[in-house]
Amino acid sequence: MNDRYDAGYGGDHDDQYELVGYDEYGRPVYRQARQQQAPQQPHDPYAQQQGYGYDPYATGTQQPVPPYDPYGTGQQPPVPSYDPYGTGAPQGGAPSTPYDPYGRAAASGQQPRVAEQTAYIPQQAGPVEPTREAAAPASGERDYRTEQFAFVEEPDGDSEDVIDWLNFTENRTERREEAKRRARSRMVALVVVLALVAVGGVGYLWYAGKLPGLSSSSGSKTGTATAAGAQNRDVIVVHLHNTKKGGTSTALLVDNTTTKQGTTVLLPNSLALTDDDGNTSTLAKSVDDDGSSGTRDALDTVLGTNIEGTWRLDTPYLQNLVDLVGNIDVDTNADVPDPDATKKGAAPLVHKGKDQTLSGKMAVAYATYRASGEAQNAQLERFGQVMQGVLRKLSSDPTAATTTVQTLAQILDPSLTDKDLGTFLAKLADLAKGGDYKTALLPVQNDGTMSAQAGASVVKDVLGGTAKSPDKGDAVSVSVQNASGVKDNTEKARVVLLNGGFTFLEGGTATATSATSKVVYSDAADKENATEVAKTLGLPGSSVTKGKVTSNADVSVVLGQNYKPSS
């Protein structure tokens, strides 16, 4: 049973309704049939009047189907578009009759709706009023709306390249910032290191007393306090024995491990010592009589130091040592004749001058040379030059220096092994190469005792000890006056007397020469001492006589022309 009011079923009614289409919900829409109208073709609900030509009921009223133009190029007949609002706006610039579900005809624009021509079915909602007005194109341009387009998200091949480029740019910026941070960190670290080095250098200079701007008095006080306290020194004694001409030369090699300073201290042979029996002797006599151990102990007593070992260096070994290190360079102060020369007037073996290269033989000749009329200290200073030249050429490596010492094939003192001597010399060699090495002569007076200057400048500062010379009353003092006419005889007599254990006193030079020598004593108790002095000087016993002597001497000696020194 169908109670709806449908067209074609109410033939009794005067008003006829006709189907005009379907709304958006699929419901049929009717309108009142027009009066006095030409016969109407049957309505095809699916055939659009714009000419798509689809006739599902084969009514034969469709138009030819135009070709499909997806891009709207305008080369094909215009295709009507679906207008849900029934505005009748033509698309593509060609007039068309759009589909109007509410029975409104679109001619050249929006037409006023005829209310009396539209009919409604019972229970059917009325026509939906459009919510907006359709704007007809003014110049025939196409009116595109959002619902006419379908957007497809197509993958873009360039997007990956863009992402990679952005990542590269970001990473490059980060690397630059990281490099800047590292550079700043390195700069800060460098500044800190330089500051620490500067502080350490200033501290070392202050500790060593080398800081500029410090007064000499404060530096002297600091050095004295340090020398008396915490300074550490390694000391050995070296005796050079002249195997051809006789005689010895003695020096102390000092390594101050606190101040990093090396020193050669030259000891004159006239230095007064005290032997184990308490008798006064000289350094030269002690070396010949007491040997290395006795001399080392006597030096410790006089100088207040601690000598760790003795190095006996005979002249042949000195020659080999210079040859092993590859010659030495010395500023010589005299022309030295060749000791093996047979003809007079031969060219000197060593020439006087600066930076002279000496071989082993030349070094020995220079170290033992003493010119006529020179004091023994002149020869001692040449020995010191040779020793410092050897240290400058010796290896600073303890192993290499030990090998050099072993190559000499010396029989060393038991107090000093090859390894100990090599290691010690390597340390001194390093100081000598760095310019931290010097040579000092121990000042000794005519009587063999040390002066106050010696106690302050050498014994205390260099050796860190206290000078303690034997008492003058322990040895016989001998005053010597030279009347032989030969200037060198005074020095030679002094050496002989000091080596004999006597105290030498300078008596000057006589105004006139004397043919014979005299040995005078004033006290009968000194007769025996006078006789011993004559024997020491090689004078006959008849030269000993009683007489007047100088106030500060026990025995007085006048050297005549008959005095013949032994060397």
Protein backbone atom coordinates (compact mmCIF):
# COMPACT_ATOMS: atom_id res chain seq x y z
CA MET A 1 0.00 0.00 0.00
CA ASN A 2 1.42 3.33 -0.91
CA ASP A 3 -0.25 6.36 0.47
CA ARG A 4 2.16 8.88 -0.98
CA TYR A 5 0.97 11.25 -3.61
CA ASP A 6 2.61 10.20 -6.84
CA ALA A 7 2.36 11.55 -10.36
CA GLY A 8 0.43 9.42 -12.76
CA TYR A 9 -1.68 7.89 -10.06
CA GLY A 10 -4.12 10.66 -9.46
CA GLY A 11 -5.86 10.79 -12.77
CA ASP A 12 -8.99 12.18 -11.07
CA HIS A 13 -7.25 15.31 -9.96
CA ASP A 14 -7.25 18.34 -12.12
CA ASP A 15 -3.64 19.15 -11.33
CA GLN A 16 -1.01 16.89 -12.71
CA TYR A 17 2.48 16.51 -11.30
CA GLU A 18 5.54 15.50 -13.12
CA LEU A 19 8.87 14.07 -11.89
CA VAL A 20 11.71 16.49 -12.38
CA GLY A 21 14.55 14.62 -10.68
CA TYR A 22 15.93 13.45 -7.37
CA ASP A 23 17.40 15.35 -4.52
CA GLU A 24 20.78 14.67 -2.92
CA TYR A 25 19.22 12.00 -0.72
CA GLY A 26 17.75 10.06 -3.60
CA ARG A 27 14.20 11.19 -3.06
CA PRO A 28 12.06 12.12 -6.13
CA VAL A 29 11.13 15.71 -6.74
CA TYR A 30 7.90 16.67 -8.50
CA ARG A 31 6.42 19.81 -9.93
CA GLN A 32 3.05 20.86 -11.27
CA ALA A 33 2.64 20.22 -14.89
CA ARG A 34 2.44 23.32 -17.01
CA GLN A 35 -0.74 24.13 -18.84
CA GLN A 36 -0.98 24.63 -22.61
CA GLN A 37 2.50 23.16 -23.10
CA ALA A 38 3.73 21.23 -26.00
CA PRO A 39 3.87 17.55 -25.66
CA GLN A 40 6.67 16.69 -23.32
CA GLN A 41 9.11 14.00 -23.73
CA PRO A 42 9.37 11.47 -20.99
CA HIS A 43 11.78 12.58 -18.29
CA ASP A 44 14.94 10.61 -17.89
CA PRO A 45 16.11 10.99 -14.28
CA TYR A 46 19.65 9.96 -15.10
CA ALA A 47 20.12 11.81 -18.30
CA GLN A 48 21.62 15.19 -17.66
CA GLN A 49 20.42 17.97 -19.90
CA GLN A 50 23.97 19.20 -20.40
CA GLY A 51 24.63 16.43 -22.87
CA TYR A 52 26.43 13.57 -21.22
CA GLY A 53 24.04 11.41 -23.32
CA TYR A 54 23.57 8.60 -20.88
CA ASP A 55 20.01 7.22 -21.21
CA PRO A 56 19.45 4.25 -18.99
CA TYR A 57 15.92 3.79 -20.26
CA ALA A 58 16.83 4.18 -23.96
CA THR A 59 14.32 6.94 -24.50
CA GLY A 60 16.25 8.11 -27.51
CA THR A 61 16.45 11.67 -26.28
CA GLN A 62 20.17 11.79 -25.36
CA GLN A 63 22.67 13.98 -27.11
CA PRO A 64 25.95 12.84 -28.59
CA VAL A 65 28.54 12.21 -25.89
CA PRO A 66 31.36 14.73 -26.02
CA PRO A 67 34.95 13.44 -25.64
CA TYR A 68 36.40 13.54 -22.10
CA ASP A 69 38.78 16.43 -21.51
CA PRO A 70 40.48 15.96 -18.09
CA TYR A 71 42.54 19.18 -18.31
CA GLY A 72 39.83 21.54 -19.47
CA THR A 73 41.79 22.83 -22.45
CA GLY A 74 38.66 24.17 -24.04
CA GLN A 75 39.26 22.32 -27.28
CA GLN A 76 36.32 20.01 -26.56
CA PRO A 77 32.67 20.99 -26.11
CA PRO A 78 32.03 22.30 -22.64
CA VAL A 79 31.22 19.69 -20.06
CA PRO A 80 28.54 20.67 -17.60
CA SER A 81 29.48 20.38 -14.01
CA TYR A 82 27.46 19.30 -11.13
CA ASP A 83 26.03 22.25 -9.25
CA PRO A 84 24.76 21.14 -5.87
CA TYR A 85 23.35 24.56 -5.24
CA GLY A 86 21.55 24.93 -8.53
CA THR A 87 23.09 28.28 -9.29
CA GLY A 88 23.11 27.61 -12.98
CA ALA A 89 26.60 29.12 -13.37
CA PRO A 90 28.04 27.98 -16.66
CA GLN A 91 31.48 26.36 -16.71
CA GLY A 92 34.04 26.82 -19.39
CA GLY A 93 32.39 29.94 -20.70
CA ALA A 94 29.64 28.07 -22.73
CA PRO A 95 25.99 28.33 -21.73
CA SER A 96 24.64 25.13 -20.32
CA THR A 97 21.71 23.98 -18.38
CA PRO A 98 23.00 22.53 -15.11
CA TYR A 99 21.21 19.93 -13.20
CA ASP A 100 18.77 21.55 -10.83
CA PRO A 101 17.31 19.18 -8.28
CA TYR A 102 14.76 21.74 -7.26
CA GLY A 103 13.45 22.46 -10.72
CA ARG A 104 15.15 25.80 -11.19
CA ALA A 105 16.25 26.60 -14.70
CA ALA A 106 19.56 28.39 -15.27
CA ALA A 107 19.56 30.46 -18.42
CA SER A 108 22.03 33.29 -18.53
CA GLY A 109 22.14 33.75 -14.76
CA GLN A 110 20.31 32.99 -11.61
CA GLN A 111 16.51 33.08 -12.29
CA PRO A 112 13.89 33.84 -9.71
CA ARG A 113 12.31 30.71 -8.34
CA VAL A 114 8.66 30.15 -9.26
CA ALA A 115 7.00 29.02 -6.13
CA GLU A 116 3.73 27.92 -7.71
CA GLN A 117 5.42 25.54 -10.10
CA THR A 118 7.03 23.36 -7.44
CA ALA A 119 5.08 20.70 -5.72
CA TYR A 120 5.90 18.75 -2.64
CA ILE A 121 5.30 15.22 -1.68
CA PRO A 122 3.73 14.46 1.66
CA GLN A 123 6.34 13.78 4.43
CA GLN A 124 8.96 15.29 2.10
CA ALA A 125 11.12 18.11 3.28
CA GLY A 126 10.95 21.34 1.39
CA PRO A 127 13.61 22.50 -0.99
CA VAL A 128 16.87 23.48 0.63
CA GLU A 129 17.64 27.14 0.23
CA PRO A 130 21.12 27.88 -0.97
CA THR A 131 23.42 29.22 1.77
CA ARG A 132 25.40 31.39 -0.53
CA GLU A 133 24.87 33.11 -3.81
CA ALA A 134 26.64 31.86 -6.84
CA ALA A 135 28.81 34.44 -8.42
CA ALA A 136 28.52 34.36 -12.14
CA PRO A 137 31.80 35.00 -13.91
CA ALA A 138 31.91 38.48 -15.25
CA SER A 139 34.39 37.91 -18.04
CA GLY A 140 33.81 34.30 -18.92
CA GLU A 141 36.68 33.00 -16.72
CA ARG A 142 36.41 29.62 -15.11
CA ASP A 143 35.24 29.50 -11.52
CA TYR A 144 37.21 26.76 -9.71
CA ARG A 145 36.15 25.53 -6.32
CA THR A 146 37.80 23.28 -3.76
CA GLU A 147 35.40 20.42 -4.38
CA GLN A 148 36.43 20.29 -8.00
CA PHE A 149 39.99 19.24 -7.23
CA ALA A 150 41.55 16.13 -5.76
CA PHE A 151 44.95 16.69 -4.14
CA VAL A 152 47.36 13.80 -4.29
CA GLU A 153 50.49 13.89 -2.13
CA GLU A 154 53.14 12.90 -4.58
CA PRO A 155 56.64 12.03 -3.26
CA ASP A 156 59.20 14.57 -4.32
CA GLY A 157 62.63 13.14 -5.19
CA ASP A 158 64.30 16.45 -4.37
CA SER A 159 63.04 16.40 -0.77
CA GLU A 160 65.74 13.93 0.27
CA ASP A 161 68.41 16.14 -1.28
CA VAL A 162 67.08 19.13 0.58
CA ILE A 163 67.10 17.22 3.86
CA ASP A 164 70.64 16.03 3.22
CA TRP A 165 71.77 19.57 2.42
CA LEU A 166 70.17 20.89 5.61
CA ASN A 167 71.85 18.14 7.63
CA PHE A 168 75.19 18.90 5.99
CA THR A 169 74.83 22.63 6.69
CA GLU A 170 73.88 21.94 10.31
CA ASN A 171 76.78 19.51 10.82
CA ARG A 172 79.22 21.94 9.22
CA THR A 173 78.10 24.72 11.54
CA GLU A 174 78.42 22.42 14.54
CA ARG A 175 81.92 21.42 13.46
CA ARG A 176 82.93 25.05 13.18
CA GLU A 177 81.58 25.82 16.63
CA GLU A 178 83.34 22.73 18.04
CA ALA A 179 86.62 23.82 16.40
CA LYS A 180 86.25 27.26 17.95
CA ARG A 181 85.63 25.73 21.38
CA ARG A 182 88.68 23.49 21.04
CA ALA A 183 90.82 26.43 19.95
CA ARG A 184 89.73 28.41 22.98
CA SER A 185 90.46 25.45 25.27
CA ARG A 186 93.92 25.01 23.77
CA MET A 187 94.67 28.69 24.14
CA VAL A 188 93.66 28.62 27.80
CA ALA A 189 95.81 25.52 28.39
CA LEU A 190 98.78 27.15 26.65
CA VAL A 191 98.47 30.27 28.78
CA VAL A 192 98.32 28.15 31.95
CA VAL A 193 101.42 26.16 30.94
CA LEU A 194 103.38 29.30 30.11
CA ALA A 195 102.39 30.82 33.44
CA LEU A 196 103.55 27.71 35.31
CA VAL A 197 106.85 27.67 33.41
CA ALA A 198 107.42 31.34 34.16
CA VAL A 199 106.69 30.85 37.86
CA GLY A 200 108.93 27.79 37.99
CA GLY A 201 111.77 29.61 36.22
CA VAL A 202 111.57 32.58 38.55
CA GLY A 203 111.47 30.24 41.54
CA TYR A 204 114.55 28.39 40.35
CA LEU A 205 116.47 31.60 39.70
CA TRP A 206 115.52 32.85 43.15
CA TYR A 207 116.55 29.58 44.76
CA ALA A 208 119.88 29.52 42.89
CA GLY A 209 120.55 33.18 43.70
CA LYS A 210 120.61 34.14 40.01
CA LEU A 211 117.48 36.29 39.97
CA PRO A 212 118.33 39.76 38.60
CA GLY A 213 117.63 42.66 40.91
CA LEU A 214 118.68 40.96 44.11
CA SER A 215 121.35 42.78 46.04
CA SER A 216 124.73 41.14 46.42
CA SER A 217 124.47 41.23 50.17
CA SER A 218 121.16 39.36 50.24
CA GLY A 219 122.46 36.89 47.66
CA SER A 220 125.59 36.31 49.72
CA LYS A 221 123.55 35.70 52.83
CA THR A 222 121.27 33.28 51.02
CA GLY A 223 124.20 31.40 49.51
CA THR A 224 125.95 31.20 52.88
CA ALA A 225 122.85 29.91 54.62
CA THR A 226 122.23 27.35 51.91
CA ALA A 227 125.88 26.23 51.87
CA ALA A 228 125.83 25.73 55.60
CA GLY A 229 122.54 23.89 55.43
CA ALA A 230 120.92 21.88 52.68
CA GLN A 231 123.43 22.00 49.79
CA ASN A 232 124.69 18.60 48.73
CA ARG A 233 128.11 18.08 47.11
CA ASP A 234 129.89 15.10 45.61
CA VAL A 235 133.69 15.47 45.80
CA ILE A 236 136.59 13.35 44.58
CA VAL A 237 140.31 14.18 44.56
CA VAL A 238 142.51 13.63 41.47
CA HIS A 239 146.31 13.38 41.63
CA LEU A 240 148.26 13.89 38.41
CA HIS A 241 151.59 12.06 38.60
CA ASN A 242 154.32 13.17 36.19
CA THR A 243 156.02 9.88 35.44
CA LYS A 244 158.90 11.50 33.50
CA LYS A 245 159.94 14.52 35.53
CA GLY A 246 158.42 13.62 38.86
CA GLY A 247 156.09 15.70 40.99
CA THR A 248 152.35 15.72 41.45
CA SER A 249 149.47 18.09 40.87
CA THR A 250 146.27 17.83 42.92
CA ALA A 251 142.73 19.08 42.32
CA LEU A 252 139.28 18.51 43.76
CA LEU A 253 136.37 17.81 41.39
CA VAL A 254 133.17 19.12 42.99
CA ASP A 255 129.59 18.49 41.83
CA ASN A 256 127.09 20.64 43.72
CA THR A 257 123.87 18.75 43.09
CA THR A 258 121.81 21.44 44.81
CA THR A 259 122.86 24.45 42.74
CA LYS A 260 123.79 22.37 39.65
CA GLN A 261 127.29 23.84 39.60
CA GLY A 262 130.57 22.05 38.92
CA THR A 263 133.98 23.25 40.07
CA THR A 264 137.60 22.22 39.86
CA VAL A 265 139.43 23.37 43.01
CA LEU A 266 143.20 23.50 42.48
CA LEU A 267 145.25 22.64 45.57
CA PRO A 268 148.84 23.98 45.76
CA ASN A 269 151.51 21.47 46.81
CA SER A 270 152.53 23.80 49.63
CA LEU A 271 149.21 23.37 51.43
CA ALA A 272 149.99 22.47 55.02
CA LEU A 273 148.47 19.22 56.26
CA THR A 274 148.60 17.17 59.42
CA ASP A 275 149.35 13.47 59.17
CA ASP A 276 147.97 10.64 61.29
CA ASP A 277 150.71 11.11 63.87
CA GLY A 278 149.88 14.79 64.28
CA ASN A 279 152.99 15.98 62.43
CA THR A 280 152.78 18.87 60.01
CA SER A 281 153.42 18.06 56.38
CA THR A 282 152.62 19.41 52.93
CA LEU A 283 150.26 18.15 50.29
CA ALA A 284 153.07 17.09 47.96
CA LYS A 285 154.84 15.16 50.70
CA SER A 286 151.60 13.56 51.86
CA VAL A 287 150.85 12.28 48.37
CA ASP A 288 154.31 10.68 48.11
CA ASP A 289 154.44 9.28 51.65
CA ASP A 290 150.92 8.66 52.86
CA GLY A 291 149.30 7.64 49.62
CA SER A 292 145.73 8.21 48.60
CA SER A 293 143.95 7.22 51.79
CA GLY A 294 146.15 9.25 54.16
CA THR A 295 146.07 12.32 51.93
CA ARG A 296 142.32 12.12 51.54
CA ASP A 297 141.79 12.06 55.29
CA ALA A 298 144.24 14.91 55.83
CA LEU A 299 142.42 17.06 53.25
CA ASP A 300 139.09 16.32 54.91
CA THR A 301 140.54 17.57 58.18
CA VAL A 302 142.01 20.78 56.77
CA LEU A 303 139.16 21.70 54.43
CA GLY A 304 136.25 20.40 56.47
CA THR A 305 134.82 18.49 53.52
CA ASN A 306 133.95 14.87 52.71
CA ILE A 307 135.99 13.46 49.83
CA GLU A 308 134.33 10.29 48.49
CA GLY A 309 137.19 8.83 46.46
CA THR A 310 140.67 9.27 44.98
CA TRP A 311 141.53 9.16 41.28
CA ARG A 312 145.20 8.67 40.51
CA LEU A 313 145.87 9.89 36.97
CA ASP A 314 149.36 9.27 35.65
CA THR A 315 150.47 11.34 32.66
CA PRO A 316 150.29 8.37 30.18
CA TYR A 317 146.64 7.83 31.16
CA LEU A 318 145.90 11.53 30.76
CA GLN A 319 147.33 11.33 27.25
CA ASN A 320 145.13 8.33 26.42
CA LEU A 321 142.08 10.03 27.92
CA VAL A 322 142.48 13.12 25.72
CA ASP A 323 142.91 10.93 22.66
CA LEU A 324 139.78 8.91 23.54
CA VAL A 325 137.57 11.98 23.78
CA GLY A 326 138.88 13.28 20.45
CA ASN A 327 141.33 16.03 21.46
CA ILE A 328 140.47 19.14 23.48
CA ASP A 329 140.27 22.89 22.86
CA VAL A 330 142.10 25.16 25.32
CA ASP A 331 143.07 28.85 25.48
CA THR A 332 146.79 28.37 26.09
CA ASN A 333 148.85 31.06 27.89
CA ALA A 334 152.37 29.94 26.94
CA ASP A 335 154.43 28.32 24.22
CA VAL A 336 155.36 24.84 25.38
CA PRO A 337 158.50 23.21 23.90
CA ASP A 338 158.48 19.61 22.77
CA PRO A 339 159.97 17.55 25.60
CA ASP A 340 161.24 15.01 23.05
CA ALA A 341 162.98 17.60 20.87
CA THR A 342 166.75 16.98 20.44
CA LYS A 343 167.67 20.25 18.81
CA LYS A 344 167.54 23.67 20.35
CA GLY A 345 165.32 26.21 18.66
CA ALA A 346 162.80 23.62 17.55
CA ALA A 347 159.24 24.73 17.05
CA PRO A 348 157.13 24.57 20.20
CA LEU A 349 154.78 21.66 20.62
CA VAL A 350 151.99 23.90 21.93
CA HIS A 351 151.50 27.43 20.70
CA LYS A 352 150.15 30.25 22.80
CA GLY A 353 146.72 31.42 21.71
CA LYS A 354 142.97 31.11 22.03
CA ASP A 355 141.06 27.98 21.19
CA GLN A 356 144.07 25.78 20.57
CA THR A 357 143.38 22.14 19.75
CA LEU A 358 145.53 19.81 21.83
CA SER A 359 146.16 16.13 21.27
CA GLY A 360 146.96 13.76 24.10
CA LYS A 361 150.71 14.41 23.99
CA MET A 362 150.24 18.17 23.70
CA ALA A 363 147.74 18.19 26.60
CA VAL A 364 150.20 16.38 28.89
CA ALA A 365 153.03 18.76 27.94
CA TYR A 366 150.83 21.79 28.59
CA ALA A 367 149.40 20.45 31.89
CA THR A 368 152.87 19.76 33.35
CA TYR A 369 154.70 22.76 31.91
CA ARG A 370 156.28 25.26 34.30
CA ALA A 371 158.39 28.01 32.80
CA SER A 372 161.58 29.28 34.37
CA GLY A 373 160.82 31.60 37.27
CA GLU A 374 157.12 30.67 37.42
CA ALA A 375 155.37 29.68 40.60
CA GLN A 376 153.95 26.24 40.98
CA ASN A 377 150.46 27.72 40.80
CA ALA A 378 151.00 28.65 37.13
CA GLN A 379 151.54 25.02 36.23
CA LEU A 380 148.59 24.03 38.44
CA GLU A 381 146.27 26.37 36.56
CA ARG A 382 147.28 24.79 33.23
CA PHE A 383 146.39 21.41 34.65
CA GLY A 384 142.98 22.80 35.58
CA GLN A 385 142.45 24.04 32.01
CA VAL A 386 143.20 20.60 30.61
CA MET A 387 140.79 18.90 33.04
CA GLN A 388 137.95 21.25 32.12
CA GLY A 389 138.67 20.71 28.42
CA VAL A 390 138.45 16.95 28.91
CA LEU A 391 135.10 17.26 30.70
CA ARG A 392 133.68 19.35 27.84
CA LYS A 393 134.51 16.59 25.36
CA LEU A 394 133.57 13.62 27.57
CA SER A 395 130.17 12.00 27.01
CA SER A 396 127.34 13.08 29.31
CA ASP A 397 125.92 9.56 29.20
CA PRO A 398 126.95 7.60 32.31
CA THR A 399 127.27 4.35 30.37
CA ALA A 400 129.45 5.87 27.66
CA ALA A 401 131.61 7.70 30.22
CA THR A 402 132.08 4.48 32.17
CA THR A 403 133.17 2.73 28.98
CA THR A 404 135.77 5.45 28.42
CA VAL A 405 137.13 5.01 31.93
CA GLN A 406 137.28 1.25 31.50
CA THR A 407 139.12 1.68 28.20
CA LEU A 408 141.93 3.46 30.07
CA ALA A 409 142.62 0.17 31.90
CA GLN A 410 143.71 1.95 35.04
CA ILE A 411 144.11 0.31 38.39
CA LEU A 412 141.87 2.59 40.41
CA ASP A 413 141.84 3.22 44.12
CA PRO A 414 139.53 0.82 46.00
CA SER A 415 137.44 3.79 47.11
CA LEU A 416 136.37 4.48 43.50
CA THR A 417 135.05 1.92 40.99
CA ASP A 418 134.90 2.28 37.22
CA LYS A 419 131.13 2.79 37.30
CA ASP A 420 131.28 5.35 40.11
CA LEU A 421 134.00 7.35 38.36
CA GLY A 422 132.25 7.19 34.97
CA THR A 423 128.90 8.30 36.41
CA PHE A 424 130.53 11.14 38.34
CA LEU A 425 132.49 12.39 35.34
CA ALA A 426 129.36 12.23 33.14
CA LYS A 427 127.54 14.59 35.51
CA LEU A 428 130.46 17.03 35.48
CA ALA A 429 130.64 16.76 31.69
CA ASP A 430 126.99 17.77 31.40
CA LEU A 431 127.62 20.82 33.60
CA ALA A 432 130.75 21.77 31.67
CA LYS A 433 128.92 21.61 28.33
CA GLY A 434 126.13 23.78 29.71
CA GLY A 435 128.48 26.48 30.97
CA ASP A 436 127.88 25.67 34.64
CA TYR A 437 131.48 24.81 35.42
CA LYS A 438 134.40 26.86 36.73
CA THR A 439 137.94 26.47 38.05
CA ALA A 440 139.11 27.99 41.34
CA LEU A 441 142.55 28.11 42.96
CA LEU A 442 142.76 27.62 46.70
CA PRO A 443 144.74 30.61 48.09
CA VAL A 444 147.61 29.44 50.29
CA GLN A 445 150.10 31.63 52.11
CA ASN A 446 153.87 31.16 52.10
CA ASP A 447 153.75 29.11 55.26
CA GLY A 448 151.22 26.71 53.70
CA THR A 449 148.27 27.89 55.70
CA MET A 450 145.07 29.21 54.17
CA SER A 451 144.18 32.84 54.33
CA ALA A 452 140.85 34.27 55.42
CA GLN A 453 140.07 34.84 51.75
CA ALA A 454 140.45 31.14 51.09
CA GLY A 455 138.14 30.28 53.94
CA ALA A 456 135.43 32.63 52.60
CA SER A 457 135.60 32.23 48.84
CA VAL A 458 136.58 28.62 48.25
CA VAL A 459 136.39 26.45 51.33
CA LYS A 460 133.08 27.76 52.58
CA ASP A 461 131.26 28.63 49.35
CA VAL A 462 132.54 25.92 47.01
CA LEU A 463 133.35 23.06 49.35
CA GLY A 464 130.88 23.91 52.08
CA GLY A 465 133.51 23.29 54.76
CA THR A 466 135.52 25.20 57.31
CA ALA A 467 139.24 25.94 56.89
CA LYS A 468 141.39 24.56 59.65
CA SER A 469 145.12 24.94 59.03
CA PRO A 470 147.64 23.26 61.34
CA ASP A 471 149.06 25.38 64.15
CA LYS A 472 152.27 27.11 63.26
CA GLY A 473 153.93 25.76 66.39
CA ASP A 474 153.61 22.23 65.13
CA ALA A 475 156.16 22.76 62.28
CA VAL A 476 159.62 24.34 62.12
CA SER A 477 159.41 27.71 60.39
CA VAL A 478 162.23 28.46 57.95
CA SER A 479 162.97 31.90 56.50
CA VAL A 480 164.70 31.80 53.09
CA GLN A 481 166.68 34.68 51.53
CA ASN A 482 167.93 34.33 47.98
CA ALA A 483 171.56 35.44 47.42
CA SER A 484 172.37 33.03 44.60
CA GLY A 485 171.53 35.44 41.81
CA VAL A 486 168.96 32.99 40.35
CA LYS A 487 165.37 34.08 40.92
CA ASP A 488 163.86 30.62 40.56
CA ASN A 489 165.90 29.24 43.47
CA THR A 490 163.58 30.82 46.03
CA GLU A 491 160.53 29.03 44.69
CA LYS A 492 162.37 25.76 44.33
CA ALA A 493 163.64 25.95 47.90
CA ARG A 494 160.13 26.72 49.10
CA VAL A 495 158.72 23.64 47.43
CA VAL A 496 161.44 21.43 48.85
CA LEU A 497 161.01 22.77 52.37
CA LEU A 498 157.23 22.47 52.29
CA ASN A 499 157.50 18.94 51.01
CA GLY A 500 159.86 18.26 53.87
CA GLY A 501 157.26 19.35 56.39
CA PHE A 502 158.72 22.76 57.21
CA THR A 503 156.94 26.06 57.25
CA PHE A 504 158.32 28.40 54.60
CA LEU A 505 158.76 32.11 55.25
CA GLU A 506 159.69 34.53 52.48
CA GLY A 507 162.99 36.33 53.35
CA GLY A 508 163.32 38.34 50.15
CA THR A 509 166.30 38.76 47.83
CA ALA A 510 169.76 39.86 49.02
CA THR A 511 171.33 42.96 47.54
CA ALA A 512 174.54 41.10 46.79
CA THR A 513 175.26 37.56 45.82
CA SER A 514 176.99 35.07 48.10
CA ALA A 515 179.24 32.23 47.06
CA THR A 516 178.17 29.88 49.84
CA SER A 517 174.89 29.05 51.50
CA LYS A 518 174.23 29.34 55.24
CA VAL A 519 171.76 27.71 57.64
CA VAL A 520 171.50 29.69 60.90
CA TYR A 521 169.83 28.86 64.23
CA SER A 522 169.68 30.96 67.43
CA ASP A 523 168.55 28.47 70.04
CA ALA A 524 170.55 25.36 70.79
CA ALA A 525 167.30 23.41 70.78
CA ASP A 526 166.93 24.27 67.09
CA LYS A 527 170.35 22.97 66.04
CA GLU A 528 168.92 19.62 65.11
CA ASN A 529 166.17 21.30 63.09
CA ALA A 530 168.76 23.42 61.30
CA THR A 531 170.75 20.33 60.38
CA GLU A 532 167.58 18.72 59.00
CA VAL A 533 166.86 21.82 56.93
CA ALA A 534 170.36 21.69 55.40
CA LYS A 535 169.88 18.08 54.42
CA THR A 536 166.49 18.83 52.91
CA LEU A 537 167.95 21.60 50.74
CA GLY A 538 170.96 19.48 49.74
CA LEU A 539 173.45 21.71 51.54
CA PRO A 540 176.53 20.39 53.35
CA GLY A 541 176.53 20.11 57.13
CA SER A 542 179.25 22.75 57.33
CA SER A 543 176.71 25.34 56.27
CA VAL A 544 174.88 25.02 59.63
CA THR A 545 175.94 27.70 62.11
CA LYS A 546 174.63 29.48 65.16
CA GLY A 547 173.64 33.13 64.74
CA LYS A 548 170.82 35.61 64.56
CA VAL A 549 167.60 34.68 62.89
CA THR A 550 164.50 36.64 62.05
CA SER A 551 162.00 37.16 64.85
CA ASN A 552 159.28 34.92 63.48
CA ALA A 553 161.46 32.01 62.26
CA ASP A 554 163.12 29.11 63.95
CA VAL A 555 165.82 28.70 61.26
CA SER A 556 167.12 31.19 58.66
CA VAL A 557 168.59 30.15 55.30
CA VAL A 558 170.71 32.20 52.88
CA LEU A 559 170.92 30.61 49.46
CA GLY A 560 174.34 31.05 47.85
CA GLN A 561 175.72 30.22 44.45
CA ASN A 562 176.60 26.72 45.64
CA TYR A 563 172.90 25.88 46.00
CA LYS A 564 171.89 23.33 43.40
CA PRO A 565 168.16 22.58 43.47
CA SER A 566 167.16 19.02 42.73
CA SER A 567 164.57 19.95 40.13
